[in-house]
Amino acid sequence: MSGFMLATLLLAGSGAALQPADPTPESAFPESLELAQVTIRERVIIRVQTLAPRLAPAPRKIKPIKWKERKAKRCVAVSTLATASVNDRNSVDLVLRSGDRLRAKLESDCPALDFYSGFYLKPNPDGKICADRDMIFSRSGGQCEITAFRSLVPER
């Protein structure tokens, strides 16, 4: 509801009515007139949960995948994120709904270890998170700027 509509409702509900215009400015508004302002702000925070480590040993030994970094776009749509994992000291790997992987490189003085239990994103109105613009926030209160995104492809 806009502030103007709210002020109009307050005036109507208080029984105060504006007097007809008078040549004297003091009589333009009744003495019991009260004005109010309401500000409504929207805040969206998206929680990204990291992959849970396996509790039971795998029935057969699987060779871990080694990833090779490639160039990637500067921004990624938040709606495409599925989950994340922390595999490196200064980065967080993002798994997209399509199955593709991106590595979010973090600023040098920000260890990714703080993000093992998940993290939060505050998307901008464009619905994207971008390198050199946005930050990720740990559940414990820390924050790190994303410096770059790198696409991950399996090494052959």
N, C-alpha and C. Protein backbone atom coordinates (compact mmCIF):
# COMPACT_ATOMS: atom_id res chain seq x y z
N MET A 1 0.85 -1.16 0.00
CA MET A 1 0.00 0.00 0.00
C MET A 1 0.90 1.22 0.00
N SER A 2 0.59 2.18 -0.84
CA SER A 2 1.44 3.36 -0.93
C SER A 2 1.24 4.25 0.28
N GLY A 3 2.24 5.08 0.57
CA GLY A 3 2.16 6.00 1.69
C GLY A 3 1.01 6.96 1.56
N PHE A 4 0.70 7.40 0.32
CA PHE A 4 -0.39 8.33 0.09
C PHE A 4 -1.73 7.68 0.44
N MET A 5 -1.91 6.41 0.00
CA MET A 5 -3.16 5.72 0.29
C MET A 5 -3.30 5.51 1.79
N LEU A 6 -2.22 5.18 2.48
CA LEU A 6 -2.26 4.96 3.91
C LEU A 6 -2.62 6.26 4.63
N ALA A 7 -2.01 7.36 4.22
CA ALA A 7 -2.33 8.65 4.84
C ALA A 7 -3.79 9.01 4.60
N THR A 8 -4.33 8.71 3.42
CA THR A 8 -5.73 8.98 3.12
C THR A 8 -6.62 8.14 4.02
N LEU A 9 -6.27 6.85 4.21
CA LEU A 9 -7.05 6.00 5.09
C LEU A 9 -6.99 6.48 6.53
N LEU A 10 -5.82 6.94 6.97
CA LEU A 10 -5.70 7.46 8.33
C LEU A 10 -6.57 8.69 8.52
N LEU A 11 -6.59 9.54 7.51
CA LEU A 11 -7.43 10.73 7.61
C LEU A 11 -8.90 10.35 7.66
N ALA A 12 -9.30 9.40 6.81
CA ALA A 12 -10.70 8.99 6.77
C ALA A 12 -11.08 8.30 8.07
N GLY A 13 -10.21 7.47 8.61
CA GLY A 13 -10.50 6.73 9.82
C GLY A 13 -10.47 7.60 11.06
N SER A 14 -9.75 8.70 11.07
CA SER A 14 -9.65 9.53 12.26
C SER A 14 -10.82 10.49 12.39
N GLY A 15 -11.67 10.56 11.38
CA GLY A 15 -12.80 11.48 11.44
C GLY A 15 -12.40 12.90 11.09
N ALA A 16 -11.15 13.13 10.76
CA ALA A 16 -10.72 14.47 10.40
C ALA A 16 -11.10 14.76 8.96
N ALA A 17 -11.61 15.90 8.71
CA ALA A 17 -11.97 16.29 7.35
C ALA A 17 -11.33 17.63 7.07
N LEU A 18 -10.90 17.83 5.87
CA LEU A 18 -10.29 19.10 5.49
C LEU A 18 -11.38 20.17 5.37
N GLN A 19 -11.08 21.32 5.85
CA GLN A 19 -12.00 22.45 5.78
C GLN A 19 -11.93 23.06 4.40
N PRO A 20 -12.98 23.70 3.94
CA PRO A 20 -12.90 24.41 2.66
C PRO A 20 -11.81 25.47 2.73
N ALA A 21 -11.25 25.81 1.58
CA ALA A 21 -10.16 26.79 1.53
C ALA A 21 -10.58 28.12 2.13
N ASP A 22 -9.72 28.65 2.95
CA ASP A 22 -9.94 29.93 3.62
C ASP A 22 -8.79 30.85 3.24
N PRO A 23 -8.99 32.13 3.26
CA PRO A 23 -7.87 33.01 2.93
C PRO A 23 -6.75 32.93 3.96
N THR A 24 -7.01 32.48 5.18
CA THR A 24 -5.95 32.39 6.20
C THR A 24 -5.35 30.99 6.18
N PRO A 25 -4.02 30.87 6.11
CA PRO A 25 -3.38 29.56 6.01
C PRO A 25 -3.58 28.68 7.24
N GLU A 26 -3.81 29.27 8.43
CA GLU A 26 -3.95 28.46 9.64
C GLU A 26 -5.19 27.59 9.58
N SER A 27 -6.22 28.00 8.90
CA SER A 27 -7.46 27.22 8.88
C SER A 27 -7.48 26.22 7.73
N ALA A 28 -6.39 26.09 6.99
CA ALA A 28 -6.37 25.16 5.86
C ALA A 28 -6.38 23.71 6.33
N PHE A 29 -5.82 23.42 7.50
CA PHE A 29 -5.80 22.06 8.03
C PHE A 29 -6.37 22.06 9.43
N PRO A 30 -7.15 21.05 9.78
CA PRO A 30 -7.67 20.98 11.15
C PRO A 30 -6.53 20.76 12.14
N GLU A 31 -6.74 21.17 13.39
CA GLU A 31 -5.69 21.05 14.41
C GLU A 31 -5.41 19.59 14.78
N SER A 32 -6.36 18.69 14.57
CA SER A 32 -6.18 17.30 15.00
C SER A 32 -5.62 16.41 13.88
N LEU A 33 -5.15 16.99 12.82
CA LEU A 33 -4.61 16.22 11.71
C LEU A 33 -3.29 15.56 12.09
N GLU A 34 -3.18 14.23 11.85
CA GLU A 34 -1.95 13.49 12.09
C GLU A 34 -1.53 12.83 10.80
N LEU A 35 -0.25 12.92 10.48
CA LEU A 35 0.28 12.29 9.28
C LEU A 35 1.22 11.17 9.70
N ALA A 36 1.28 10.13 8.88
CA ALA A 36 2.16 9.01 9.17
C ALA A 36 2.81 8.56 7.86
N GLN A 37 3.96 7.96 7.99
CA GLN A 37 4.66 7.43 6.83
C GLN A 37 5.03 5.99 7.13
N VAL A 38 4.80 5.12 6.16
CA VAL A 38 5.14 3.72 6.29
C VAL A 38 6.07 3.35 5.14
N THR A 39 7.18 2.71 5.47
CA THR A 39 8.12 2.25 4.45
C THR A 39 8.15 0.73 4.51
N ILE A 40 7.91 0.09 3.37
CA ILE A 40 7.95 -1.36 3.29
C ILE A 40 9.12 -1.73 2.42
N ARG A 41 10.00 -2.56 2.95
CA ARG A 41 11.17 -3.00 2.20
C ARG A 41 11.11 -4.50 2.04
N GLU A 42 11.55 -4.97 0.90
CA GLU A 42 11.57 -6.39 0.63
C GLU A 42 13.00 -6.88 0.73
N ARG A 43 13.20 -7.99 1.43
CA ARG A 43 14.54 -8.55 1.57
C ARG A 43 14.48 -10.03 1.22
N VAL A 44 15.25 -10.43 0.26
CA VAL A 44 15.28 -11.82 -0.18
C VAL A 44 16.68 -12.37 0.08
N ILE A 45 16.73 -13.49 0.77
CA ILE A 45 18.01 -14.16 1.01
C ILE A 45 17.83 -15.60 0.57
N ILE A 46 18.76 -16.10 -0.22
CA ILE A 46 18.69 -17.46 -0.72
C ILE A 46 19.75 -18.29 -0.01
N ARG A 47 19.32 -19.40 0.58
CA ARG A 47 20.27 -20.29 1.27
C ARG A 47 20.69 -21.38 0.31
N VAL A 48 21.98 -21.56 0.14
CA VAL A 48 22.53 -22.61 -0.71
C VAL A 48 23.16 -23.64 0.22
N GLN A 49 22.64 -24.86 0.16
CA GLN A 49 23.13 -25.92 1.02
C GLN A 49 24.23 -26.68 0.32
N THR A 50 25.27 -27.02 1.07
CA THR A 50 26.38 -27.77 0.48
C THR A 50 26.04 -29.25 0.45
N LEU A 51 26.74 -29.99 -0.40
CA LEU A 51 26.55 -31.43 -0.49
C LEU A 51 26.97 -32.08 0.81
N ALA A 52 26.16 -32.99 1.32
CA ALA A 52 26.49 -33.69 2.56
C ALA A 52 27.53 -34.77 2.28
N PRO A 53 28.51 -34.91 3.15
CA PRO A 53 29.49 -35.99 2.95
C PRO A 53 28.81 -37.34 3.18
N ARG A 54 29.30 -38.36 2.48
CA ARG A 54 28.72 -39.70 2.64
C ARG A 54 29.10 -40.25 4.01
N LEU A 55 28.11 -40.81 4.69
CA LEU A 55 28.37 -41.39 6.00
C LEU A 55 28.84 -42.84 5.88
N ALA A 56 28.30 -43.58 4.92
CA ALA A 56 28.69 -44.97 4.74
C ALA A 56 29.74 -45.06 3.65
N PRO A 57 30.70 -45.97 3.78
CA PRO A 57 31.71 -46.10 2.72
C PRO A 57 31.07 -46.61 1.43
N ALA A 58 31.61 -46.16 0.32
CA ALA A 58 31.11 -46.59 -0.99
C ALA A 58 31.42 -48.07 -1.17
N PRO A 59 30.52 -48.83 -1.81
CA PRO A 59 30.76 -50.27 -1.97
C PRO A 59 31.97 -50.57 -2.86
N ARG A 60 32.31 -49.71 -3.79
CA ARG A 60 33.50 -49.91 -4.60
C ARG A 60 34.26 -48.59 -4.68
N LYS A 61 35.52 -48.70 -4.91
CA LYS A 61 36.37 -47.51 -4.96
C LYS A 61 36.15 -46.78 -6.29
N ILE A 62 35.72 -45.52 -6.21
CA ILE A 62 35.49 -44.70 -7.40
C ILE A 62 36.58 -43.65 -7.47
N LYS A 63 37.19 -43.56 -8.62
CA LYS A 63 38.25 -42.57 -8.81
C LYS A 63 37.62 -41.17 -8.80
N PRO A 64 38.13 -40.28 -7.95
CA PRO A 64 37.56 -38.92 -7.91
C PRO A 64 37.79 -38.18 -9.23
N ILE A 65 36.84 -37.35 -9.56
CA ILE A 65 36.95 -36.58 -10.80
C ILE A 65 37.87 -35.39 -10.57
N LYS A 66 38.80 -35.19 -11.48
CA LYS A 66 39.64 -33.99 -11.44
C LYS A 66 39.04 -32.99 -12.40
N TRP A 67 38.91 -31.76 -11.93
CA TRP A 67 38.26 -30.72 -12.73
C TRP A 67 39.27 -29.77 -13.32
N LYS A 68 39.02 -29.34 -14.52
CA LYS A 68 39.85 -28.36 -15.21
C LYS A 68 39.03 -27.08 -15.33
N GLU A 69 39.65 -25.97 -15.00
CA GLU A 69 38.95 -24.67 -15.06
C GLU A 69 39.01 -24.08 -16.46
N ARG A 70 37.90 -23.51 -16.88
CA ARG A 70 37.79 -22.82 -18.17
C ARG A 70 37.16 -21.45 -17.93
N LYS A 71 37.22 -20.62 -18.95
CA LYS A 71 36.58 -19.31 -18.86
C LYS A 71 35.08 -19.48 -18.65
N ALA A 72 34.50 -18.52 -17.92
CA ALA A 72 33.05 -18.55 -17.69
C ALA A 72 32.52 -17.12 -17.73
N LYS A 73 31.23 -17.01 -17.82
CA LYS A 73 30.60 -15.69 -17.82
C LYS A 73 30.80 -15.03 -16.46
N ARG A 74 30.66 -13.73 -16.42
CA ARG A 74 30.85 -12.95 -15.21
C ARG A 74 29.69 -13.11 -14.23
N CYS A 75 28.51 -13.46 -14.74
CA CYS A 75 27.31 -13.57 -13.89
C CYS A 75 26.62 -14.90 -14.11
N VAL A 76 25.87 -15.32 -13.10
CA VAL A 76 25.07 -16.55 -13.18
C VAL A 76 23.71 -16.26 -12.55
N ALA A 77 22.65 -16.78 -13.17
CA ALA A 77 21.30 -16.60 -12.64
C ALA A 77 21.15 -17.42 -11.37
N VAL A 78 20.63 -16.82 -10.32
CA VAL A 78 20.46 -17.50 -9.04
C VAL A 78 19.50 -18.67 -9.19
N SER A 79 18.52 -18.56 -10.06
CA SER A 79 17.52 -19.62 -10.23
C SER A 79 18.12 -20.90 -10.81
N THR A 80 19.34 -20.85 -11.36
CA THR A 80 19.96 -22.05 -11.93
C THR A 80 20.79 -22.82 -10.91
N LEU A 81 20.99 -22.29 -9.71
CA LEU A 81 21.81 -22.96 -8.70
C LEU A 81 21.05 -24.12 -8.06
N ALA A 82 21.75 -25.26 -7.90
CA ALA A 82 21.15 -26.42 -7.25
C ALA A 82 21.79 -26.67 -5.88
N THR A 83 23.11 -26.75 -5.85
CA THR A 83 23.82 -27.00 -4.60
C THR A 83 25.26 -26.51 -4.75
N ALA A 84 26.07 -26.76 -3.72
CA ALA A 84 27.45 -26.29 -3.74
C ALA A 84 28.32 -27.27 -2.97
N SER A 85 29.62 -27.20 -3.23
CA SER A 85 30.57 -27.98 -2.44
C SER A 85 31.84 -27.16 -2.27
N VAL A 86 32.53 -27.42 -1.17
CA VAL A 86 33.78 -26.71 -0.90
C VAL A 86 34.90 -27.72 -1.07
N ASN A 87 35.72 -27.52 -2.10
CA ASN A 87 36.81 -28.46 -2.40
C ASN A 87 38.17 -27.80 -2.40
N ASP A 88 38.21 -26.49 -2.32
CA ASP A 88 39.46 -25.76 -2.43
C ASP A 88 39.48 -24.67 -1.35
N ARG A 89 40.67 -24.19 -1.05
CA ARG A 89 40.81 -23.21 0.03
C ARG A 89 40.13 -21.88 -0.25
N ASN A 90 40.20 -21.36 -1.46
CA ASN A 90 39.66 -20.03 -1.76
C ASN A 90 38.57 -20.04 -2.81
N SER A 91 37.78 -21.11 -2.84
CA SER A 91 36.70 -21.16 -3.82
C SER A 91 35.57 -22.07 -3.34
N VAL A 92 34.42 -21.87 -3.95
CA VAL A 92 33.24 -22.70 -3.69
C VAL A 92 32.75 -23.18 -5.05
N ASP A 93 32.55 -24.49 -5.19
CA ASP A 93 32.05 -25.04 -6.45
C ASP A 93 30.52 -25.05 -6.42
N LEU A 94 29.92 -24.48 -7.45
CA LEU A 94 28.47 -24.41 -7.56
C LEU A 94 28.00 -25.43 -8.58
N VAL A 95 27.02 -26.22 -8.21
CA VAL A 95 26.43 -27.19 -9.13
C VAL A 95 25.12 -26.59 -9.61
N LEU A 96 24.98 -26.48 -10.92
CA LEU A 96 23.77 -25.90 -11.51
C LEU A 96 22.72 -26.98 -11.74
N ARG A 97 21.48 -26.56 -11.90
CA ARG A 97 20.39 -27.51 -12.14
C ARG A 97 20.62 -28.34 -13.40
N SER A 98 21.34 -27.79 -14.34
CA SER A 98 21.64 -28.49 -15.59
C SER A 98 22.71 -29.57 -15.42
N GLY A 99 23.38 -29.59 -14.26
CA GLY A 99 24.47 -30.53 -14.01
C GLY A 99 25.84 -29.90 -14.24
N ASP A 100 25.88 -28.73 -14.88
CA ASP A 100 27.15 -28.03 -15.08
C ASP A 100 27.69 -27.55 -13.74
N ARG A 101 28.99 -27.30 -13.71
CA ARG A 101 29.64 -26.83 -12.49
C ARG A 101 30.37 -25.52 -12.75
N LEU A 102 30.32 -24.65 -11.76
CA LEU A 102 31.06 -23.39 -11.79
C LEU A 102 31.87 -23.28 -10.52
N ARG A 103 33.02 -22.69 -10.61
CA ARG A 103 33.82 -22.42 -9.42
C ARG A 103 33.74 -20.93 -9.15
N ALA A 104 33.26 -20.57 -7.98
CA ALA A 104 33.23 -19.17 -7.54
C ALA A 104 34.52 -18.91 -6.80
N LYS A 105 35.41 -18.14 -7.41
CA LYS A 105 36.68 -17.78 -6.78
C LYS A 105 36.40 -16.67 -5.77
N LEU A 106 36.97 -16.81 -4.58
CA LEU A 106 36.75 -15.83 -3.51
C LEU A 106 37.99 -14.97 -3.33
N GLU A 107 37.78 -13.79 -2.74
CA GLU A 107 38.91 -12.89 -2.51
C GLU A 107 39.99 -13.62 -1.70
N SER A 108 41.24 -13.20 -1.86
CA SER A 108 42.39 -13.94 -1.34
C SER A 108 42.40 -14.10 0.18
N ASP A 109 41.87 -13.16 0.92
CA ASP A 109 41.91 -13.25 2.38
C ASP A 109 40.64 -13.87 2.96
N CYS A 110 39.96 -14.68 2.17
CA CYS A 110 38.69 -15.25 2.61
C CYS A 110 38.71 -16.77 2.43
N PRO A 111 38.97 -17.52 3.48
CA PRO A 111 39.01 -18.98 3.34
C PRO A 111 37.62 -19.56 3.13
N ALA A 112 37.50 -20.47 2.19
CA ALA A 112 36.23 -21.11 1.88
C ALA A 112 35.80 -22.09 2.97
N LEU A 113 36.69 -22.41 3.89
CA LEU A 113 36.35 -23.35 4.95
C LEU A 113 35.12 -22.92 5.74
N ASP A 114 34.86 -21.63 5.81
CA ASP A 114 33.70 -21.12 6.54
C ASP A 114 32.38 -21.52 5.88
N PHE A 115 32.42 -21.99 4.64
CA PHE A 115 31.20 -22.24 3.89
C PHE A 115 30.83 -23.72 3.80
N TYR A 116 31.50 -24.58 4.61
CA TYR A 116 31.20 -26.01 4.57
C TYR A 116 29.75 -26.31 4.94
N SER A 117 29.16 -25.55 5.83
CA SER A 117 27.79 -25.84 6.26
C SER A 117 26.75 -25.08 5.45
N GLY A 118 27.14 -24.53 4.32
CA GLY A 118 26.20 -23.79 3.48
C GLY A 118 26.47 -22.31 3.55
N PHE A 119 25.78 -21.57 2.70
CA PHE A 119 25.95 -20.12 2.68
C PHE A 119 24.70 -19.46 2.13
N TYR A 120 24.69 -18.14 2.21
CA TYR A 120 23.55 -17.35 1.76
C TYR A 120 23.98 -16.43 0.62
N LEU A 121 23.05 -16.15 -0.27
CA LEU A 121 23.25 -15.19 -1.35
C LEU A 121 22.18 -14.13 -1.25
N LYS A 122 22.53 -12.90 -1.54
CA LYS A 122 21.54 -11.82 -1.63
C LYS A 122 21.50 -11.37 -3.08
N PRO A 123 20.55 -11.91 -3.85
CA PRO A 123 20.51 -11.57 -5.27
C PRO A 123 20.09 -10.13 -5.50
N ASN A 124 20.56 -9.57 -6.57
CA ASN A 124 20.19 -8.23 -6.97
C ASN A 124 18.87 -8.28 -7.74
N PRO A 125 18.28 -7.15 -8.01
CA PRO A 125 17.01 -7.14 -8.77
C PRO A 125 17.10 -7.83 -10.13
N ASP A 126 18.31 -7.94 -10.69
CA ASP A 126 18.44 -8.62 -11.99
C ASP A 126 18.40 -10.14 -11.86
N GLY A 127 18.35 -10.68 -10.62
CA GLY A 127 18.23 -12.12 -10.40
C GLY A 127 19.52 -12.88 -10.61
N LYS A 128 20.65 -12.18 -10.62
CA LYS A 128 21.94 -12.81 -10.88
C LYS A 128 22.91 -12.51 -9.75
N ILE A 129 23.92 -13.38 -9.65
CA ILE A 129 25.08 -13.05 -8.82
C ILE A 129 26.24 -12.90 -9.79
N CYS A 130 27.03 -11.88 -9.55
CA CYS A 130 28.12 -11.54 -10.48
C CYS A 130 29.44 -11.40 -9.75
N ALA A 131 30.51 -11.75 -10.45
CA ALA A 131 31.86 -11.58 -9.94
C ALA A 131 32.18 -10.08 -9.85
N ASP A 132 32.97 -9.73 -8.87
CA ASP A 132 33.38 -8.34 -8.61
C ASP A 132 32.20 -7.43 -8.28
N ARG A 133 31.07 -8.02 -7.90
CA ARG A 133 29.91 -7.24 -7.50
C ARG A 133 29.25 -7.82 -6.25
N ASP A 134 29.07 -9.13 -6.22
CA ASP A 134 28.29 -9.75 -5.16
C ASP A 134 29.15 -10.52 -4.17
N MET A 135 28.53 -10.84 -3.04
CA MET A 135 29.21 -11.54 -1.95
C MET A 135 28.41 -12.77 -1.57
N ILE A 136 29.10 -13.72 -0.96
CA ILE A 136 28.40 -14.83 -0.33
C ILE A 136 28.59 -14.67 1.17
N PHE A 137 27.61 -15.12 1.93
CA PHE A 137 27.60 -14.94 3.37
C PHE A 137 27.56 -16.30 4.04
N SER A 138 28.48 -16.53 4.97
CA SER A 138 28.49 -17.82 5.68
C SER A 138 27.40 -17.81 6.74
N ARG A 139 27.02 -18.99 7.16
CA ARG A 139 25.98 -19.11 8.19
C ARG A 139 26.47 -18.58 9.53
N SER A 140 27.80 -18.49 9.70
CA SER A 140 28.34 -17.99 10.96
C SER A 140 28.54 -16.48 10.95
N GLY A 141 28.19 -15.82 9.84
CA GLY A 141 28.26 -14.36 9.81
C GLY A 141 29.36 -13.78 8.95
N GLY A 142 30.28 -14.59 8.44
CA GLY A 142 31.35 -14.08 7.58
C GLY A 142 30.83 -13.77 6.19
N GLN A 143 31.61 -13.04 5.44
CA GLN A 143 31.23 -12.71 4.07
C GLN A 143 32.47 -12.62 3.20
N CYS A 144 32.30 -12.99 1.93
CA CYS A 144 33.41 -12.96 0.97
C CYS A 144 32.90 -12.46 -0.37
N GLU A 145 33.70 -11.64 -1.02
CA GLU A 145 33.36 -11.19 -2.36
C GLU A 145 33.76 -12.26 -3.37
N ILE A 146 32.90 -12.45 -4.36
CA ILE A 146 33.21 -13.36 -5.47
C ILE A 146 34.04 -12.58 -6.46
N THR A 147 35.26 -13.06 -6.75
CA THR A 147 36.15 -12.32 -7.65
C THR A 147 36.04 -12.81 -9.09
N ALA A 148 35.65 -14.08 -9.30
CA ALA A 148 35.53 -14.61 -10.67
C ALA A 148 34.75 -15.92 -10.64
N PHE A 149 34.18 -16.26 -11.78
CA PHE A 149 33.56 -17.57 -12.00
C PHE A 149 34.39 -18.30 -13.03
N ARG A 150 34.59 -19.60 -12.82
CA ARG A 150 35.30 -20.44 -13.77
C ARG A 150 34.43 -21.67 -14.02
N SER A 151 34.29 -22.03 -15.27
CA SER A 151 33.54 -23.22 -15.65
C SER A 151 34.41 -24.43 -15.37
N LEU A 152 33.82 -25.51 -14.86
CA LEU A 152 34.57 -26.72 -14.55
C LEU A 152 34.19 -27.84 -15.53
N VAL A 153 35.21 -28.46 -16.12
CA VAL A 153 35.00 -29.61 -17.00
C VAL A 153 35.91 -30.73 -16.51
N PRO A 154 35.45 -31.99 -16.62
CA PRO A 154 36.31 -33.10 -16.18
C PRO A 154 37.56 -33.20 -17.02
N GLU A 155 38.69 -33.48 -16.36
CA GLU A 155 39.96 -33.72 -17.07
C GLU A 155 39.88 -35.08 -17.73
N ARG A 156 40.52 -35.22 -18.86
CA ARG A 156 40.52 -36.53 -19.56
C ARG A 156 41.77 -37.28 -19.27
